[in-house]
Amino acid sequence: MRLFRLIYSSRAKKILSFSDVKELTSKASEKNKETEITGILLYANNYFFQTIEGSQEEINDLYLRISKDERHGSIRLLSYNNIEKRLFPSWGMGLIQTEPSQDLINRHFENGKFVPTTLSPDQSESFLHELKKMFF
């Protein structure tokens, strides 16, 4: 099976509590295991930053469902690539449970504010790899 990684960002239409995000991630993780999708989710500053990995068909189907989800506004596809191996092979949907450090945000975002919809494809990949080093 050829593997793909998709990274997207969106702005939540309403502010979510940590328990809301944790519940959302738990449900997604269970469903993703059935379709062999892995990835992580970061929710901070009312933005989602998510990567999903798996077969092209499953990734495309999931992204289509996400793009129609009423919780997301201003959804933006940041990166979509064929990959050799998964970054998160054991995570149906890992949740980053703390906001990134200000130092990490300063390195990747203008004005020191976490606004992932502004990232280019290369910037989103770089940010993702740094998140992996820090949290996984």
C-alpha atoms as a PDB file:
ATOM      1  CA  MET A   1       0.000   0.000   0.000  1.00  0.00           C
ATOM      2  CA  ARG A   2       1.283   3.433  -0.923  1.00  0.00           C
ATOM      3  CA  LEU A   3       1.191   5.810   2.017  1.00  0.00           C
ATOM      4  CA  PHE A   4       0.274   9.477   2.047  1.00  0.00           C
ATOM      5  CA  ARG A   5       0.477  12.240   4.622  1.00  0.00           C
ATOM      6  CA  LEU A   6      -1.963  15.130   4.643  1.00  0.00           C
ATOM      7  CA  ILE A   7      -1.559  18.171   6.878  1.00  0.00           C
ATOM      8  CA  TYR A   8      -4.348  20.681   7.268  1.00  0.00           C
ATOM      9  CA  SER A   9      -5.309  23.504   9.554  1.00  0.00           C
ATOM     10  CA  SER A  10      -8.596  25.137  10.380  1.00  0.00           C
ATOM     11  CA  ARG A  11     -10.100  27.597  12.791  1.00  0.00           C
ATOM     12  CA  ALA A  12     -12.673  26.195  15.173  1.00  0.00           C
ATOM     13  CA  LYS A  13     -16.066  27.832  14.673  1.00  0.00           C
ATOM     14  CA  LYS A  14     -16.523  27.890  18.446  1.00  0.00           C
ATOM     15  CA  ILE A  15     -14.085  27.661  21.312  1.00  0.00           C
ATOM     16  CA  LEU A  16     -13.689  24.069  22.456  1.00  0.00           C
ATOM     17  CA  SER A  17     -12.780  22.891  25.936  1.00  0.00           C
ATOM     18  CA  PHE A  18      -9.950  20.436  26.447  1.00  0.00           C
ATOM     19  CA  SER A  19     -12.495  17.730  27.286  1.00  0.00           C
ATOM     20  CA  ASP A  20     -14.321  18.430  23.985  1.00  0.00           C
ATOM     21  CA  VAL A  21     -11.092  18.010  22.030  1.00  0.00           C
ATOM     22  CA  LYS A  22     -10.110  14.922  24.005  1.00  0.00           C
ATOM     23  CA  GLU A  23     -13.488  13.305  23.271  1.00  0.00           C
ATOM     24  CA  LEU A  24     -13.249  14.227  19.582  1.00  0.00           C
ATOM     25  CA  THR A  25      -9.752  12.719  19.392  1.00  0.00           C
ATOM     26  CA  SER A  26     -10.793   9.550  21.187  1.00  0.00           C
ATOM     27  CA  LYS A  27     -13.648   8.944  18.741  1.00  0.00           C
ATOM     28  CA  ALA A  28     -11.423   9.719  15.758  1.00  0.00           C
ATOM     29  CA  SER A  29      -8.734   7.354  17.023  1.00  0.00           C
ATOM     30  CA  GLU A  30     -11.160   4.430  17.189  1.00  0.00           C
ATOM     31  CA  LYS A  31     -12.531   5.115  13.726  1.00  0.00           C
ATOM     32  CA  ASN A  32      -9.054   5.665  12.282  1.00  0.00           C
ATOM     33  CA  LYS A  33      -7.862   2.277  13.522  1.00  0.00           C
ATOM     34  CA  GLU A  34     -10.539   0.638  11.366  1.00  0.00           C
ATOM     35  CA  THR A  35      -9.221   2.395   8.248  1.00  0.00           C
ATOM     36  CA  GLU A  36      -5.510   2.205   9.176  1.00  0.00           C
ATOM     37  CA  ILE A  37      -5.155   5.968   9.479  1.00  0.00           C
ATOM     38  CA  THR A  38      -2.648   7.399  11.922  1.00  0.00           C
ATOM     39  CA  GLY A  39      -1.785  10.943  12.912  1.00  0.00           C
ATOM     40  CA  ILE A  40      -1.821  13.689  15.481  1.00  0.00           C
ATOM     41  CA  LEU A  41      -3.961  16.667  16.403  1.00  0.00           C
ATOM     42  CA  LEU A  42      -2.959  19.905  18.029  1.00  0.00           C
ATOM     43  CA  TYR A  43      -5.633  22.346  19.166  1.00  0.00           C
ATOM     44  CA  ALA A  44      -4.382  25.712  20.362  1.00  0.00           C
ATOM     45  CA  ASN A  45      -5.427  29.352  20.054  1.00  0.00           C
ATOM     46  CA  ASN A  46      -8.754  28.124  18.608  1.00  0.00           C
ATOM     47  CA  TYR A  47      -6.950  26.464  15.656  1.00  0.00           C
ATOM     48  CA  PHE A  48      -6.641  22.843  14.657  1.00  0.00           C
ATOM     49  CA  PHE A  49      -3.359  21.588  13.191  1.00  0.00           C
ATOM     50  CA  GLN A  50      -3.653  17.976  12.144  1.00  0.00           C
ATOM     51  CA  THR A  51      -1.758  15.391  10.168  1.00  0.00           C
ATOM     52  CA  ILE A  52      -3.271  12.159   8.913  1.00  0.00           C
ATOM     53  CA  GLU A  53      -1.384   9.272   7.332  1.00  0.00           C
ATOM     54  CA  GLY A  54      -2.655   6.264   5.411  1.00  0.00           C
ATOM     55  CA  SER A  55      -3.802   5.091   2.000  1.00  0.00           C
ATOM     56  CA  GLN A  56      -4.683   7.768  -0.527  1.00  0.00           C
ATOM     57  CA  GLU A  57      -8.316   6.682  -0.691  1.00  0.00           C
ATOM     58  CA  GLU A  58      -8.796   6.689   3.087  1.00  0.00           C
ATOM     59  CA  ILE A  59      -6.964  10.008   3.498  1.00  0.00           C
ATOM     60  CA  ASN A  60      -9.045  11.638   0.764  1.00  0.00           C
ATOM     61  CA  ASP A  61     -12.303  10.321   2.255  1.00  0.00           C
ATOM     62  CA  LEU A  62     -11.402  11.515   5.749  1.00  0.00           C
ATOM     63  CA  TYR A  63     -10.304  14.952   4.578  1.00  0.00           C
ATOM     64  CA  LEU A  64     -13.566  15.347   2.659  1.00  0.00           C
ATOM     65  CA  ARG A  65     -15.537  14.530   5.834  1.00  0.00           C
ATOM     66  CA  ILE A  66     -13.393  16.930   7.874  1.00  0.00           C
ATOM     67  CA  SER A  67     -13.900  19.719   5.333  1.00  0.00           C
ATOM     68  CA  LYS A  68     -17.677  19.325   5.695  1.00  0.00           C
ATOM     69  CA  ASP A  69     -17.586  19.155   9.510  1.00  0.00           C
ATOM     70  CA  GLU A  70     -19.464  22.075  11.071  1.00  0.00           C
ATOM     71  CA  ARG A  71     -16.804  22.534  13.760  1.00  0.00           C
ATOM     72  CA  HIS A  72     -14.236  23.706  11.191  1.00  0.00           C
ATOM     73  CA  GLY A  73     -14.015  27.082   9.518  1.00  0.00           C
ATOM     74  CA  SER A  74     -11.321  28.424   7.207  1.00  0.00           C
ATOM     75  CA  ILE A  75      -9.973  24.941   6.527  1.00  0.00           C
ATOM     76  CA  ARG A  76      -6.717  24.940   4.578  1.00  0.00           C
ATOM     77  CA  LEU A  77      -4.801  22.057   3.065  1.00  0.00           C
ATOM     78  CA  LEU A  78      -1.178  22.698   3.995  1.00  0.00           C
ATOM     79  CA  SER A  79       0.637  19.654   2.634  1.00  0.00           C
ATOM     80  CA  TYR A  80      -0.234  16.402   0.858  1.00  0.00           C
ATOM     81  CA  ASN A  81       2.552  13.985  -0.056  1.00  0.00           C
ATOM     82  CA  ASN A  82       3.406  10.404  -0.804  1.00  0.00           C
ATOM     83  CA  ILE A  83       5.572   9.092   2.075  1.00  0.00           C
ATOM     84  CA  GLU A  84       7.871   6.126   2.626  1.00  0.00           C
ATOM     85  CA  LYS A  85       6.836   5.541   6.231  1.00  0.00           C
ATOM     86  CA  ARG A  86       4.531   6.950   8.864  1.00  0.00           C
ATOM     87  CA  LEU A  87       5.685   9.455  11.458  1.00  0.00           C
ATOM     88  CA  PHE A  88       3.018   8.217  13.898  1.00  0.00           C
ATOM     89  CA  PRO A  89       2.623   4.466  13.247  1.00  0.00           C
ATOM     90  CA  SER A  90       1.051   3.663  16.612  1.00  0.00           C
ATOM     91  CA  TRP A  91      -1.274   6.665  16.950  1.00  0.00           C
ATOM     92  CA  GLY A  92      -4.835   6.272  15.625  1.00  0.00           C
ATOM     93  CA  MET A  93      -5.012   9.957  16.514  1.00  0.00           C
ATOM     94  CA  GLY A  94      -2.528  11.289  19.019  1.00  0.00           C
ATOM     95  CA  LEU A  95      -3.511  14.431  20.877  1.00  0.00           C
ATOM     96  CA  ILE A  96      -0.940  17.015  21.811  1.00  0.00           C
ATOM     97  CA  GLN A  97      -2.285  18.010  25.186  1.00  0.00           C
ATOM     98  CA  THR A  98      -0.310  21.168  25.727  1.00  0.00           C
ATOM     99  CA  GLU A  99       0.268  24.253  23.636  1.00  0.00           C
ATOM    100  CA  PRO A 100       3.601  24.458  21.831  1.00  0.00           C
ATOM    101  CA  SER A 101       6.308  26.436  23.564  1.00  0.00           C
ATOM    102  CA  GLN A 102       6.571  30.097  22.710  1.00  0.00           C
ATOM    103  CA  ASP A 103      10.059  29.395  21.375  1.00  0.00           C
ATOM    104  CA  LEU A 104       8.651  26.873  18.863  1.00  0.00           C
ATOM    105  CA  ILE A 105       5.866  29.268  17.891  1.00  0.00           C
ATOM    106  CA  ASN A 106       8.351  32.118  17.411  1.00  0.00           C
ATOM    107  CA  ARG A 107      10.433  29.954  15.057  1.00  0.00           C
ATOM    108  CA  HIS A 108       7.473  29.091  12.825  1.00  0.00           C
ATOM    109  CA  PHE A 109       4.921  31.901  13.045  1.00  0.00           C
ATOM    110  CA  GLU A 110       5.095  35.612  12.405  1.00  0.00           C
ATOM    111  CA  ASN A 111       4.269  37.901  15.323  1.00  0.00           C
ATOM    112  CA  GLY A 112       4.668  35.001  17.783  1.00  0.00           C
ATOM    113  CA  LYS A 113       1.055  33.819  17.396  1.00  0.00           C
ATOM    114  CA  PHE A 114      -0.037  30.275  16.596  1.00  0.00           C
ATOM    115  CA  VAL A 115      -1.941  30.684  13.321  1.00  0.00           C
ATOM    116  CA  PRO A 116      -1.223  27.465  11.386  1.00  0.00           C
ATOM    117  CA  THR A 117      -3.390  28.400   8.391  1.00  0.00           C
ATOM    118  CA  THR A 118      -0.537  30.751   7.376  1.00  0.00           C
ATOM    119  CA  LEU A 119       2.040  27.958   6.966  1.00  0.00           C
ATOM    120  CA  SER A 120       3.447  26.969   3.592  1.00  0.00           C
ATOM    121  CA  PRO A 121       3.774  23.251   2.760  1.00  0.00           C
ATOM    122  CA  ASP A 122       7.474  23.232   3.755  1.00  0.00           C
ATOM    123  CA  GLN A 123       6.787  25.186   6.937  1.00  0.00           C
ATOM    124  CA  SER A 124       3.966  22.838   7.933  1.00  0.00           C
ATOM    125  CA  GLU A 125       6.221  19.790   7.443  1.00  0.00           C
ATOM    126  CA  SER A 126       8.998  21.428   9.469  1.00  0.00           C
ATOM    127  CA  PHE A 127       6.583  22.363  12.261  1.00  0.00           C
ATOM    128  CA  LEU A 128       5.170  18.816  12.278  1.00  0.00           C
ATOM    129  CA  HIS A 129       8.628  17.270  12.630  1.00  0.00           C
ATOM    130  CA  GLU A 130       9.450  19.585  15.534  1.00  0.00           C
ATOM    131  CA  LEU A 131       6.166  18.661  17.241  1.00  0.00           C
ATOM    132  CA  LYS A 132       7.075  15.006  16.879  1.00  0.00           C
ATOM    133  CA  LYS A 133      10.462  15.574  18.503  1.00  0.00           C
ATOM    134  CA  MET A 134       8.902  17.503  21.378  1.00  0.00           C
ATOM    135  CA  PHE A 135       5.830  15.403  22.154  1.00  0.00           C
ATOM    136  CA  PHE A 136       6.263  11.880  20.779  1.00  0.00           C
END
